[in-house]
């Protein structure tokens, strides 16, 4: 496990996240990653968010092609798969 391992960074009991976070839903798991770790700000573009997360997780950017970025009033972001209804 590396020091940037999202499993460690998302463990809020041991490593409380301060400031805005990105809530990520990926591969059936949810995790929170501080925006500053991703070198993102609350005004970062959707493409920048997807790119930073792909780089952080060391997965191809294409894995996030259909992911949606939600922006919350408190400055947090959510990156999640696009919801399909019907």
N, C-alpha and C. Protein backbone atom coordinates (compact mmCIF):
# COMPACT_ATOMS: atom_id res chain seq x y z
N UNK A 1 0.84 -1.18 0.00
CA UNK A 1 0.00 0.00 0.00
C UNK A 1 0.88 1.24 0.00
N UNK A 2 0.57 2.18 -0.87
CA UNK A 2 1.34 3.41 -0.90
C UNK A 2 0.74 4.44 0.03
N UNK A 3 1.49 5.52 0.28
CA UNK A 3 0.96 6.56 1.17
C UNK A 3 -0.22 7.28 0.54
N UNK A 4 -0.38 7.19 -0.80
CA UNK A 4 -1.51 7.82 -1.47
C UNK A 4 -2.64 6.84 -1.73
N UNK A 5 -2.57 5.67 -1.14
CA UNK A 5 -3.58 4.64 -1.36
C UNK A 5 -4.94 5.16 -0.91
N UNK A 6 -5.93 5.13 -1.81
CA UNK A 6 -7.25 5.67 -1.47
C UNK A 6 -7.93 4.93 -0.33
N UNK A 7 -7.57 3.67 -0.12
CA UNK A 7 -8.17 2.95 1.01
C UNK A 7 -7.73 3.57 2.32
N UNK A 8 -6.49 4.04 2.39
CA UNK A 8 -5.99 4.71 3.58
C UNK A 8 -6.55 6.12 3.68
N UNK A 9 -6.55 6.85 2.57
CA UNK A 9 -7.00 8.23 2.58
C UNK A 9 -8.49 8.35 2.88
N UNK A 10 -9.23 7.31 2.55
CA UNK A 10 -10.68 7.36 2.74
C UNK A 10 -11.09 6.94 4.15
N UNK A 11 -10.17 6.44 4.94
CA UNK A 11 -10.51 6.00 6.27
C UNK A 11 -10.60 7.21 7.19
N UNK A 12 -11.80 7.73 7.31
CA UNK A 12 -12.00 8.98 8.04
C UNK A 12 -11.76 8.84 9.55
N UNK A 13 -11.88 7.63 10.08
CA UNK A 13 -11.65 7.44 11.51
C UNK A 13 -10.17 7.64 11.85
N UNK A 14 -9.28 7.16 10.98
CA UNK A 14 -7.86 7.25 11.25
C UNK A 14 -7.22 8.49 10.63
N UNK A 15 -7.74 8.94 9.50
CA UNK A 15 -7.17 10.08 8.78
C UNK A 15 -8.28 11.08 8.45
N UNK A 16 -8.70 11.89 9.41
CA UNK A 16 -9.80 12.81 9.14
C UNK A 16 -9.45 13.76 7.99
N UNK A 17 -10.38 13.91 7.07
CA UNK A 17 -10.19 14.78 5.92
C UNK A 17 -10.66 16.18 6.30
N UNK A 18 -9.81 17.16 6.06
CA UNK A 18 -10.15 18.56 6.35
C UNK A 18 -10.31 19.28 5.03
N UNK A 19 -11.29 20.15 4.93
CA UNK A 19 -11.52 20.89 3.71
C UNK A 19 -12.37 20.10 2.73
N UNK A 20 -12.54 20.66 1.52
CA UNK A 20 -13.41 20.02 0.53
C UNK A 20 -12.88 18.65 0.11
N UNK A 21 -13.80 17.74 -0.13
CA UNK A 21 -13.44 16.38 -0.53
C UNK A 21 -14.16 15.98 -1.82
N UNK A 22 -13.61 14.99 -2.45
CA UNK A 22 -14.27 14.34 -3.58
C UNK A 22 -14.80 13.02 -3.05
N UNK A 23 -16.10 12.83 -3.15
CA UNK A 23 -16.70 11.55 -2.81
C UNK A 23 -16.71 10.73 -4.09
N UNK A 24 -16.08 9.58 -4.07
CA UNK A 24 -15.93 8.74 -5.25
C UNK A 24 -16.66 7.44 -5.07
N UNK A 25 -17.43 7.08 -6.09
CA UNK A 25 -18.07 5.77 -6.15
C UNK A 25 -17.42 5.04 -7.31
N UNK A 26 -16.62 4.00 -7.03
CA UNK A 26 -15.86 3.32 -8.07
C UNK A 26 -15.69 1.85 -7.70
N UNK A 27 -15.98 0.99 -8.64
CA UNK A 27 -15.85 -0.46 -8.46
C UNK A 27 -16.59 -0.95 -7.22
N UNK A 28 -17.79 -0.42 -7.02
CA UNK A 28 -18.64 -0.87 -5.92
C UNK A 28 -18.26 -0.34 -4.56
N UNK A 29 -17.29 0.56 -4.49
CA UNK A 29 -16.86 1.12 -3.21
C UNK A 29 -17.03 2.63 -3.20
N UNK A 30 -17.23 3.17 -2.03
CA UNK A 30 -17.29 4.61 -1.85
C UNK A 30 -16.09 5.04 -1.02
N UNK A 31 -15.52 6.18 -1.38
CA UNK A 31 -14.40 6.71 -0.60
C UNK A 31 -14.38 8.22 -0.73
N UNK A 32 -13.81 8.89 0.24
CA UNK A 32 -13.63 10.34 0.23
C UNK A 32 -12.14 10.64 0.11
N UNK A 33 -11.80 11.52 -0.82
CA UNK A 33 -10.42 11.92 -1.03
C UNK A 33 -10.36 13.44 -0.99
N UNK A 34 -9.47 13.98 -0.19
CA UNK A 34 -9.34 15.43 -0.09
C UNK A 34 -8.96 16.02 -1.45
N UNK A 35 -9.61 17.11 -1.83
CA UNK A 35 -9.33 17.75 -3.12
C UNK A 35 -7.88 18.18 -3.23
N UNK A 36 -7.27 18.61 -2.14
CA UNK A 36 -5.88 19.06 -2.23
C UNK A 36 -4.92 17.91 -2.55
N UNK A 37 -5.25 16.71 -2.15
CA UNK A 37 -4.42 15.55 -2.49
C UNK A 37 -4.47 15.30 -4.00
N UNK A 38 -5.63 15.59 -4.59
CA UNK A 38 -5.80 15.41 -6.03
C UNK A 38 -5.31 16.62 -6.81
N UNK A 39 -4.87 17.65 -6.10
CA UNK A 39 -4.46 18.91 -6.71
C UNK A 39 -5.61 19.53 -7.50
N UNK A 40 -6.79 19.50 -6.89
CA UNK A 40 -8.01 20.07 -7.49
C UNK A 40 -8.58 21.13 -6.57
N UNK A 41 -9.34 22.02 -7.16
CA UNK A 41 -10.10 23.01 -6.40
C UNK A 41 -11.57 22.81 -6.69
N UNK A 42 -12.40 23.54 -5.96
CA UNK A 42 -13.84 23.39 -6.15
C UNK A 42 -14.30 23.85 -7.53
N UNK A 43 -13.50 24.68 -8.19
CA UNK A 43 -13.86 25.17 -9.52
C UNK A 43 -13.23 24.38 -10.65
N UNK A 44 -12.58 23.26 -10.36
CA UNK A 44 -11.95 22.45 -11.41
C UNK A 44 -13.01 21.92 -12.38
N UNK A 45 -12.63 21.81 -13.63
CA UNK A 45 -13.56 21.32 -14.65
C UNK A 45 -13.84 19.83 -14.44
N UNK A 46 -14.94 19.37 -15.02
CA UNK A 46 -15.29 17.96 -14.93
C UNK A 46 -14.17 17.10 -15.52
N UNK A 47 -13.61 17.52 -16.63
CA UNK A 47 -12.52 16.76 -17.26
C UNK A 47 -11.29 16.70 -16.35
N UNK A 48 -10.99 17.80 -15.67
CA UNK A 48 -9.86 17.82 -14.75
C UNK A 48 -10.09 16.87 -13.58
N UNK A 49 -11.32 16.81 -13.09
CA UNK A 49 -11.66 15.92 -11.98
C UNK A 49 -11.46 14.47 -12.42
N UNK A 50 -12.03 14.10 -13.56
CA UNK A 50 -11.90 12.73 -14.05
C UNK A 50 -10.43 12.35 -14.26
N UNK A 51 -9.68 13.26 -14.85
CA UNK A 51 -8.27 13.02 -15.13
C UNK A 51 -7.46 12.84 -13.84
N UNK A 52 -7.69 13.69 -12.86
CA UNK A 52 -6.96 13.62 -11.59
C UNK A 52 -7.26 12.31 -10.86
N UNK A 53 -8.51 11.89 -10.87
CA UNK A 53 -8.88 10.66 -10.18
C UNK A 53 -8.28 9.45 -10.90
N UNK A 54 -8.32 9.44 -12.23
CA UNK A 54 -7.72 8.33 -12.98
C UNK A 54 -6.23 8.22 -12.70
N UNK A 55 -5.56 9.36 -12.67
CA UNK A 55 -4.12 9.37 -12.38
C UNK A 55 -3.87 8.88 -10.95
N UNK A 56 -4.65 9.38 -10.00
CA UNK A 56 -4.49 9.02 -8.59
C UNK A 56 -4.66 7.51 -8.38
N UNK A 57 -5.67 6.93 -9.05
CA UNK A 57 -5.94 5.50 -8.90
C UNK A 57 -5.12 4.63 -9.85
N UNK A 58 -4.39 5.30 -10.75
CA UNK A 58 -3.57 4.59 -11.74
C UNK A 58 -4.42 3.65 -12.59
N UNK A 59 -5.51 4.21 -13.12
CA UNK A 59 -6.39 3.48 -14.04
C UNK A 59 -6.57 4.34 -15.30
N UNK A 60 -6.92 3.72 -16.42
CA UNK A 60 -7.13 4.50 -17.64
C UNK A 60 -8.25 5.54 -17.48
N UNK A 61 -8.04 6.71 -18.04
CA UNK A 61 -9.05 7.77 -17.99
C UNK A 61 -10.38 7.31 -18.57
N UNK A 62 -10.35 6.43 -19.54
CA UNK A 62 -11.58 5.93 -20.17
C UNK A 62 -12.53 5.27 -19.16
N UNK A 63 -12.01 4.80 -18.04
CA UNK A 63 -12.86 4.18 -17.02
C UNK A 63 -13.87 5.17 -16.45
N UNK A 64 -13.59 6.47 -16.58
CA UNK A 64 -14.46 7.51 -16.02
C UNK A 64 -15.24 8.27 -17.09
N UNK A 65 -15.22 7.78 -18.31
CA UNK A 65 -15.88 8.46 -19.44
C UNK A 65 -17.36 8.75 -19.14
N UNK A 66 -18.06 7.79 -18.58
CA UNK A 66 -19.50 7.95 -18.32
C UNK A 66 -19.80 8.36 -16.89
N UNK A 67 -18.82 8.86 -16.18
CA UNK A 67 -19.02 9.30 -14.80
C UNK A 67 -19.48 10.75 -14.77
N UNK A 68 -20.29 11.07 -13.79
CA UNK A 68 -20.87 12.39 -13.61
C UNK A 68 -20.20 13.07 -12.42
N UNK A 69 -19.89 14.36 -12.58
CA UNK A 69 -19.36 15.16 -11.48
C UNK A 69 -20.50 16.01 -10.93
N UNK A 70 -20.76 15.86 -9.64
CA UNK A 70 -21.77 16.68 -8.96
C UNK A 70 -21.04 17.66 -8.05
N UNK A 71 -21.54 18.88 -8.02
CA UNK A 71 -20.94 19.94 -7.18
C UNK A 71 -21.94 20.29 -6.08
N UNK A 72 -21.45 20.34 -4.86
CA UNK A 72 -22.31 20.59 -3.70
C UNK A 72 -22.03 21.97 -3.12
N UNK A 73 -23.03 22.53 -2.48
CA UNK A 73 -22.93 23.89 -1.93
C UNK A 73 -21.79 24.03 -0.93
N UNK A 74 -21.43 22.96 -0.24
CA UNK A 74 -20.37 23.03 0.77
C UNK A 74 -18.97 22.93 0.16
N UNK A 75 -18.87 22.85 -1.17
CA UNK A 75 -17.58 22.77 -1.84
C UNK A 75 -17.13 21.37 -2.18
N UNK A 76 -17.82 20.37 -1.67
CA UNK A 76 -17.46 18.99 -1.97
C UNK A 76 -17.91 18.63 -3.38
N UNK A 77 -17.26 17.62 -3.94
CA UNK A 77 -17.61 17.10 -5.25
C UNK A 77 -17.94 15.62 -5.10
N UNK A 78 -18.76 15.11 -6.02
CA UNK A 78 -19.03 13.69 -6.10
C UNK A 78 -18.74 13.24 -7.52
N UNK A 79 -18.02 12.15 -7.66
CA UNK A 79 -17.78 11.53 -8.96
C UNK A 79 -18.40 10.15 -8.88
N UNK A 80 -19.38 9.92 -9.76
CA UNK A 80 -20.13 8.67 -9.69
C UNK A 80 -20.52 8.23 -11.10
N UNK A 81 -20.85 6.94 -11.23
CA UNK A 81 -21.33 6.48 -12.53
C UNK A 81 -22.64 7.18 -12.88
N UNK A 82 -22.85 7.38 -14.17
CA UNK A 82 -24.11 7.97 -14.64
C UNK A 82 -25.24 7.03 -14.27
N UNK A 83 -26.32 7.58 -13.71
CA UNK A 83 -27.48 6.78 -13.32
C UNK A 83 -28.35 6.51 -14.56
N UNK A 84 -28.73 5.26 -14.71
CA UNK A 84 -29.61 4.88 -15.82
C UNK A 84 -30.90 4.38 -15.21
N UNK A 85 -32.00 4.99 -15.59
CA UNK A 85 -33.30 4.62 -15.07
C UNK A 85 -34.13 4.01 -16.18
N UNK A 86 -35.00 3.08 -15.81
CA UNK A 86 -35.95 2.55 -16.79
C UNK A 86 -35.73 1.19 -17.10
